[in-house]
Amino acid sequence: PDEKFDIMFYGHFHTGFIRKKDNLIFANPGSLSLPKNNTRHSYIIMDSEKITLKDISGSIIEETYLN
């Protein structure tokens, strides 16, 4: 994107992940119903401290702290 950002959420890949690059965070929640590339059924929760990728049973797959 042309605009400045700190965190970018996007979807459509059906593959959950959280990645940091050069103080930027890129996150994809994956898919609850149709995950791809042998990833787990997943979703993301964000609060004021962290971004957490969880599987359908609530287990943490990845977690990134914001500060």
N, C-alpha and C. Protein backbone atom coordinates (compact mmCIF):
# COMPACT_ATOMS: atom_id res chain seq x y z
N PRO A 1 0.83 -1.21 0.00
CA PRO A 1 0.00 0.00 0.00
C PRO A 1 0.86 1.26 0.00
N ASP A 2 0.30 2.32 -0.50
CA ASP A 2 1.02 3.60 -0.55
C ASP A 2 1.01 4.32 0.79
N GLU A 3 0.07 3.99 1.66
CA GLU A 3 -0.04 4.66 2.95
C GLU A 3 0.80 3.97 4.00
N LYS A 4 1.22 4.74 5.00
CA LYS A 4 2.02 4.20 6.09
C LYS A 4 1.14 3.34 7.01
N PHE A 5 1.69 2.24 7.51
CA PHE A 5 0.96 1.36 8.42
C PHE A 5 1.94 0.67 9.36
N ASP A 6 1.41 0.14 10.45
CA ASP A 6 2.19 -0.66 11.40
C ASP A 6 1.81 -2.13 11.33
N ILE A 7 0.51 -2.38 11.10
CA ILE A 7 -0.01 -3.75 11.05
C ILE A 7 -0.91 -3.89 9.83
N MET A 8 -0.71 -4.98 9.09
CA MET A 8 -1.57 -5.24 7.95
C MET A 8 -2.20 -6.63 8.12
N PHE A 9 -3.52 -6.65 8.15
CA PHE A 9 -4.26 -7.91 8.15
C PHE A 9 -4.81 -8.13 6.74
N TYR A 10 -4.71 -9.33 6.26
CA TYR A 10 -5.31 -9.64 4.98
C TYR A 10 -5.67 -11.11 4.94
N GLY A 11 -6.50 -11.48 4.01
CA GLY A 11 -6.96 -12.85 3.95
C GLY A 11 -6.91 -13.39 2.54
N HIS A 12 -7.74 -14.32 2.27
CA HIS A 12 -7.93 -14.97 0.99
C HIS A 12 -6.91 -16.07 0.70
N PHE A 13 -5.82 -16.16 1.44
CA PHE A 13 -4.83 -17.20 1.20
C PHE A 13 -5.18 -18.51 1.91
N HIS A 14 -6.04 -18.42 2.93
CA HIS A 14 -6.45 -19.60 3.71
C HIS A 14 -5.27 -20.25 4.43
N THR A 15 -4.23 -19.47 4.67
CA THR A 15 -3.03 -19.95 5.38
C THR A 15 -2.73 -18.96 6.50
N GLY A 16 -2.87 -19.38 7.75
CA GLY A 16 -2.67 -18.47 8.87
C GLY A 16 -1.21 -18.25 9.18
N PHE A 17 -0.86 -16.98 9.43
CA PHE A 17 0.51 -16.65 9.86
C PHE A 17 0.55 -15.25 10.44
N ILE A 18 1.62 -14.99 11.19
CA ILE A 18 1.95 -13.66 11.69
C ILE A 18 3.44 -13.49 11.43
N ARG A 19 3.82 -12.43 10.72
CA ARG A 19 5.23 -12.20 10.40
C ARG A 19 5.60 -10.76 10.71
N LYS A 20 6.82 -10.56 11.21
CA LYS A 20 7.36 -9.23 11.43
C LYS A 20 8.48 -8.99 10.43
N LYS A 21 8.49 -7.79 9.84
CA LYS A 21 9.56 -7.41 8.94
C LYS A 21 9.77 -5.90 9.05
N ASP A 22 10.97 -5.51 9.43
CA ASP A 22 11.31 -4.08 9.54
C ASP A 22 10.29 -3.32 10.38
N ASN A 23 9.98 -3.82 11.56
CA ASN A 23 9.03 -3.21 12.50
C ASN A 23 7.59 -3.13 11.97
N LEU A 24 7.28 -3.87 10.93
CA LEU A 24 5.92 -3.98 10.43
C LEU A 24 5.41 -5.38 10.72
N ILE A 25 4.12 -5.52 10.95
CA ILE A 25 3.52 -6.82 11.21
C ILE A 25 2.53 -7.13 10.09
N PHE A 26 2.65 -8.33 9.53
CA PHE A 26 1.74 -8.83 8.50
C PHE A 26 1.05 -10.06 9.08
N ALA A 27 -0.27 -10.09 9.02
CA ALA A 27 -1.01 -11.19 9.63
C ALA A 27 -2.14 -11.66 8.72
N ASN A 28 -2.32 -12.96 8.68
CA ASN A 28 -3.40 -13.58 7.92
C ASN A 28 -4.08 -14.57 8.86
N PRO A 29 -5.38 -14.47 9.04
CA PRO A 29 -6.06 -15.35 9.99
C PRO A 29 -6.21 -16.80 9.53
N GLY A 30 -5.91 -17.08 8.27
CA GLY A 30 -6.11 -18.43 7.77
C GLY A 30 -7.57 -18.67 7.45
N SER A 31 -8.06 -19.84 7.79
CA SER A 31 -9.45 -20.18 7.48
C SER A 31 -9.99 -21.14 8.54
N LEU A 32 -11.18 -20.88 9.02
CA LEU A 32 -11.84 -21.81 9.93
C LEU A 32 -12.38 -23.03 9.20
N SER A 33 -12.79 -22.84 7.95
CA SER A 33 -13.46 -23.94 7.24
C SER A 33 -12.62 -24.61 6.16
N LEU A 34 -11.76 -23.86 5.46
CA LEU A 34 -11.01 -24.43 4.34
C LEU A 34 -9.53 -24.03 4.36
N PRO A 35 -8.77 -24.44 5.38
CA PRO A 35 -7.35 -24.09 5.40
C PRO A 35 -6.60 -24.78 4.26
N LYS A 36 -5.55 -24.12 3.80
CA LYS A 36 -4.75 -24.66 2.70
C LYS A 36 -3.31 -24.91 3.14
N ASN A 37 -2.57 -25.62 2.30
CA ASN A 37 -1.14 -25.89 2.51
C ASN A 37 -0.87 -26.62 3.83
N ASN A 38 -1.74 -27.52 4.20
CA ASN A 38 -1.59 -28.33 5.42
C ASN A 38 -1.52 -27.49 6.69
N THR A 39 -2.16 -26.30 6.70
CA THR A 39 -2.23 -25.51 7.91
C THR A 39 -3.49 -25.88 8.69
N ARG A 40 -3.52 -25.48 9.94
CA ARG A 40 -4.67 -25.79 10.79
C ARG A 40 -5.81 -24.81 10.54
N HIS A 41 -7.01 -25.23 10.91
CA HIS A 41 -8.17 -24.34 10.90
C HIS A 41 -7.86 -23.23 11.91
N SER A 42 -7.89 -21.96 11.49
CA SER A 42 -7.37 -20.92 12.37
C SER A 42 -8.12 -19.60 12.27
N TYR A 43 -7.84 -18.75 13.27
CA TYR A 43 -8.39 -17.39 13.35
C TYR A 43 -7.43 -16.54 14.16
N ILE A 44 -7.61 -15.22 14.13
CA ILE A 44 -6.73 -14.29 14.85
C ILE A 44 -7.53 -13.49 15.86
N ILE A 45 -6.89 -13.25 17.01
CA ILE A 45 -7.41 -12.33 18.02
C ILE A 45 -6.34 -11.27 18.25
N MET A 46 -6.76 -10.00 18.24
CA MET A 46 -5.83 -8.91 18.53
C MET A 46 -6.37 -8.12 19.71
N ASP A 47 -5.48 -7.81 20.65
CA ASP A 47 -5.85 -6.91 21.74
C ASP A 47 -4.79 -5.82 21.82
N SER A 48 -4.78 -5.05 22.87
CA SER A 48 -3.85 -3.92 22.97
C SER A 48 -2.40 -4.35 23.16
N GLU A 49 -2.15 -5.61 23.48
CA GLU A 49 -0.79 -6.09 23.74
C GLU A 49 -0.22 -7.02 22.68
N LYS A 50 -1.09 -7.79 22.00
CA LYS A 50 -0.56 -8.83 21.12
C LYS A 50 -1.55 -9.25 20.05
N ILE A 51 -1.02 -9.96 19.06
CA ILE A 51 -1.82 -10.61 18.02
C ILE A 51 -1.59 -12.10 18.19
N THR A 52 -2.67 -12.86 18.28
CA THR A 52 -2.58 -14.30 18.52
C THR A 52 -3.31 -15.06 17.43
N LEU A 53 -2.62 -15.99 16.81
CA LEU A 53 -3.21 -16.91 15.84
C LEU A 53 -3.54 -18.19 16.59
N LYS A 54 -4.81 -18.60 16.55
CA LYS A 54 -5.24 -19.80 17.27
C LYS A 54 -5.89 -20.79 16.32
N ASP A 55 -5.83 -22.06 16.73
CA ASP A 55 -6.55 -23.06 15.94
C ASP A 55 -7.98 -23.18 16.47
N ILE A 56 -8.76 -24.00 15.83
CA ILE A 56 -10.20 -24.09 16.12
C ILE A 56 -10.47 -24.58 17.56
N SER A 57 -9.51 -25.27 18.17
CA SER A 57 -9.68 -25.71 19.56
C SER A 57 -9.22 -24.66 20.56
N GLY A 58 -8.69 -23.53 20.07
CA GLY A 58 -8.24 -22.46 20.96
C GLY A 58 -6.76 -22.51 21.30
N SER A 59 -6.03 -23.48 20.79
CA SER A 59 -4.59 -23.58 21.04
C SER A 59 -3.85 -22.51 20.24
N ILE A 60 -2.82 -21.93 20.85
CA ILE A 60 -2.03 -20.90 20.20
C ILE A 60 -1.11 -21.52 19.17
N ILE A 61 -1.17 -21.00 17.95
CA ILE A 61 -0.27 -21.42 16.87
C ILE A 61 0.93 -20.47 16.83
N GLU A 62 0.66 -19.17 16.83
CA GLU A 62 1.69 -18.12 16.83
C GLU A 62 1.18 -16.95 17.65
N GLU A 63 2.13 -16.18 18.19
CA GLU A 63 1.77 -15.00 18.97
C GLU A 63 2.85 -13.95 18.79
N THR A 64 2.45 -12.70 18.58
CA THR A 64 3.39 -11.60 18.42
C THR A 64 2.95 -10.46 19.30
N TYR A 65 3.89 -9.97 20.13
CA TYR A 65 3.58 -8.83 20.99
C TYR A 65 3.79 -7.53 20.23
N LEU A 66 2.95 -6.55 20.50
CA LEU A 66 2.97 -5.31 19.75
C LEU A 66 4.06 -4.36 20.18
N ASN A 67 4.54 -4.46 21.38
CA ASN A 67 5.61 -3.55 21.84
C ASN A 67 6.85 -4.30 22.20
